[in-house]
Protein backbone atom coordinates (compact mmCIF):
# COMPACT_ATOMS: atom_id res chain seq x y z
CA UNK A 1 -4.63 22.02 -9.82
CA UNK A 2 -7.13 19.20 -9.86
CA UNK A 3 -10.68 19.40 -8.53
CA UNK A 4 -9.64 17.11 -5.66
CA UNK A 5 -6.69 19.35 -4.78
CA UNK A 6 -8.96 22.41 -4.70
CA UNK A 7 -11.51 20.59 -2.53
CA UNK A 8 -8.76 19.38 -0.21
CA UNK A 9 -7.19 22.82 0.16
CA UNK A 10 -10.45 24.62 0.84
CA UNK A 11 -11.63 21.87 3.20
CA UNK A 12 -8.40 22.10 5.21
CA UNK A 13 -8.74 25.87 5.57
CA UNK A 14 -12.44 25.80 6.45
CA UNK A 15 -12.05 22.93 8.94
CA UNK A 16 -9.29 24.83 10.72
CA UNK A 17 -11.60 27.84 10.85
CA UNK A 18 -14.39 25.58 12.20
CA UNK A 19 -12.23 24.63 15.17
CA UNK A 20 -11.70 28.30 16.02
CA UNK A 21 -15.36 29.24 15.51
CA UNK A 22 -16.80 26.26 17.37
CA UNK A 23 -14.57 26.93 20.36
CA UNK A 24 -15.63 30.59 20.46
CA UNK A 25 -19.33 29.69 20.17
CA UNK A 26 -19.17 26.84 22.70
CA UNK A 27 -20.10 24.20 20.12
CA UNK A 28 -18.81 20.65 19.90
CA UNK A 29 -16.07 20.76 17.28
CA UNK A 30 -15.99 16.97 16.88
CA UNK A 31 -19.74 16.93 16.23
CA UNK A 32 -19.27 19.48 13.48
CA UNK A 33 -16.90 17.08 11.77
CA UNK A 34 -19.51 14.34 12.15
CA UNK A 35 -22.06 16.59 10.43
CA UNK A 36 -19.53 17.36 7.71
CA UNK A 37 -19.01 13.62 7.28
CA UNK A 38 -22.75 13.12 6.86
CA UNK A 39 -22.76 15.71 4.08
CA UNK A 40 -19.91 14.00 2.24
CA UNK A 41 -21.53 10.59 2.78
CA UNK A 42 -24.49 11.91 0.80
CA UNK A 43 -22.18 12.27 -2.19
CA UNK A 44 -21.49 15.34 -4.21
CA UNK A 45 -24.78 17.00 -4.77
CA UNK A 46 -24.75 20.48 -3.33
CA UNK A 47 -28.08 21.50 -1.84
CA UNK A 48 -29.59 18.03 -2.33
CA UNK A 49 -26.80 16.40 -0.32
CA UNK A 50 -27.07 19.12 2.34
CA UNK A 51 -30.81 18.57 2.71
CA UNK A 52 -30.31 14.83 2.97
CA UNK A 53 -27.60 15.24 5.63
CA UNK A 54 -29.66 17.73 7.64
CA UNK A 55 -32.83 15.62 7.62
CA UNK A 56 -31.15 12.33 8.50
CA UNK A 57 -28.76 13.72 11.11
CA UNK A 58 -31.71 15.44 12.78
CA UNK A 59 -33.74 12.24 12.78
CA UNK A 60 -30.77 10.43 14.30
CA UNK A 61 -30.61 12.99 17.10
CA UNK A 62 -34.30 12.45 17.83
CA UNK A 63 -33.96 8.66 17.86
CA UNK A 64 -30.82 8.84 19.97
CA UNK A 65 -32.66 10.95 22.52
CA UNK A 66 -35.53 8.45 22.52
CA UNK A 67 -33.04 5.75 23.53
CA UNK A 68 -31.42 7.95 26.19
CA UNK A 69 -34.72 9.06 27.74
CA UNK A 70 -36.35 5.63 27.77
CA UNK A 71 -33.24 3.93 29.17
CA UNK A 72 -32.94 6.56 31.90
CA UNK A 73 -36.50 5.89 33.08
CA UNK A 74 -36.86 2.16 32.54
CA UNK A 75 -36.47 -0.22 35.48
CA UNK A 76 -36.20 -3.21 33.14
CA UNK A 77 -32.85 -4.92 32.63
CA UNK A 78 -31.16 -4.61 29.23
CA UNK A 79 -33.43 -1.79 28.10
CA UNK A 80 -30.42 -0.27 26.35
CA UNK A 81 -29.94 -3.38 24.20
CA UNK A 82 -33.63 -3.64 23.28
CA UNK A 83 -33.94 0.04 22.49
CA UNK A 84 -30.75 0.01 20.44
CA UNK A 85 -32.04 -2.94 18.42
CA UNK A 86 -35.41 -1.26 17.85
CA UNK A 87 -33.96 2.11 16.91
CA UNK A 88 -31.37 0.51 14.64
CA UNK A 89 -34.24 -1.10 12.76
CA UNK A 90 -36.03 2.24 12.53
CA UNK A 91 -32.90 4.09 11.35
CA UNK A 92 -32.62 1.63 8.48
CA UNK A 93 -36.30 1.19 7.57
CA UNK A 94 -37.01 4.92 7.55
CA UNK A 95 -34.73 5.11 4.49
CA UNK A 96 -37.66 3.85 2.43
CA UNK A 97 -38.94 7.42 2.72
CA UNK A 98 -36.78 9.48 0.32
CA UNK A 99 -35.90 12.35 2.70
CA UNK A 100 -34.49 9.77 5.14
CA UNK A 101 -32.59 7.71 2.55
CA UNK A 102 -29.11 8.59 3.85
CA UNK A 103 -28.75 5.83 6.44
CA UNK A 104 -25.24 6.90 7.53
CA UNK A 105 -26.57 10.36 8.39
CA UNK A 106 -29.17 8.89 10.72
CA UNK A 107 -26.59 6.72 12.44
CA UNK A 108 -24.21 9.68 12.77
CA UNK A 109 -26.89 11.76 14.48
CA UNK A 110 -27.82 8.89 16.78
CA UNK A 111 -24.32 7.89 17.88
CA UNK A 112 -23.39 11.53 18.43
CA UNK A 113 -26.17 11.72 21.04
CA UNK A 114 -24.40 8.93 22.94
CA UNK A 115 -20.99 10.57 22.49
CA UNK A 116 -22.42 13.83 23.86
CA UNK A 117 -23.98 11.98 26.83
CA UNK A 118 -27.44 13.08 25.73
CA UNK A 119 -26.53 16.79 25.67
CA UNK A 120 -28.53 17.51 22.54
CA UNK A 121 -28.62 21.29 22.96
CA UNK A 122 -24.98 21.93 21.95
CA UNK A 123 -25.00 18.83 19.75
CA UNK A 124 -27.80 19.75 17.34
CA UNK A 125 -26.38 23.08 16.13
CA UNK A 126 -22.89 21.56 15.97
CA UNK A 127 -24.06 18.75 13.69
CA UNK A 128 -26.21 21.07 11.59
CA UNK A 129 -23.44 23.62 11.15
CA UNK A 130 -21.06 20.78 10.40
CA UNK A 131 -23.27 19.60 7.53
CA UNK A 132 -23.31 23.20 6.28
CA UNK A 133 -19.52 23.21 6.60
CA UNK A 134 -19.40 20.20 4.28
CA UNK A 135 -21.56 22.01 1.74
CA UNK A 136 -19.35 25.10 2.02
CA UNK A 137 -16.22 22.99 1.50
CA UNK A 138 -17.66 21.34 -1.60
CA UNK A 139 -19.01 24.52 -3.16
CA UNK A 140 -15.92 26.59 -2.36
CA UNK A 141 -13.63 23.86 -3.67
CA UNK A 142 -15.64 23.82 -6.89
CA UNK A 143 -15.47 27.60 -7.10
CA UNK A 144 -11.68 27.57 -6.66
CA UNK A 145 -11.31 24.86 -9.31
CA UNK A 146 -13.44 26.84 -11.78
CA UNK A 147 -11.46 29.99 -11.04
CA UNK A 148 -8.18 28.13 -11.52
CA UNK A 149 -9.29 26.66 -14.85
CA UNK A 150 -10.38 30.06 -16.13
CA UNK A 151 -7.09 31.60 -15.04
CA UNK A 152 -5.15 28.76 -16.63
CA UNK A 153 -6.98 29.27 -19.94
CA UNK A 154 -6.30 33.02 -19.82
CA UNK A 155 -2.61 32.38 -19.19
CA UNK A 156 -2.43 29.99 -22.16
CA UNK A 157 -4.09 32.57 -24.38
CA UNK A 158 -1.74 35.33 -23.18
CA UNK A 159 1.34 33.21 -23.93
CA UNK A 160 0.25 32.59 -27.51
CA UNK A 161 -0.09 36.29 -28.34
């Protein structure tokens, strides 16, 4: 088995389990996949990638809620366009600060607020657990690959004796 095969197998199993768990807990299953995507967008990096995904997705949620709340209270025309332009700038420029460097994570958090119609309460834990799901997929896939390689080496040794 290759590392990619192990990652793919474990990810398939864990994502199926996520659907079951998220439904039982009343979470947004699709948002969990968005959080998982943010983790993988950070690249392979274990805890570092998880931290990056969590920080940027959370900032995106905050900025998305800023847009939603201001647009809901503003009597001005086209407030949504102006706020989107402003927040888009902020989502990009905040990447100058290292913890916020994963721009896709910030956009994922922000657009998920819109997809959830501003319902941040079920959204936030769904995205956060989704990023953790990504980390679990990566680490478990790596574990399976290591286990497979060790087993394969043992089998080769046993056949020679």
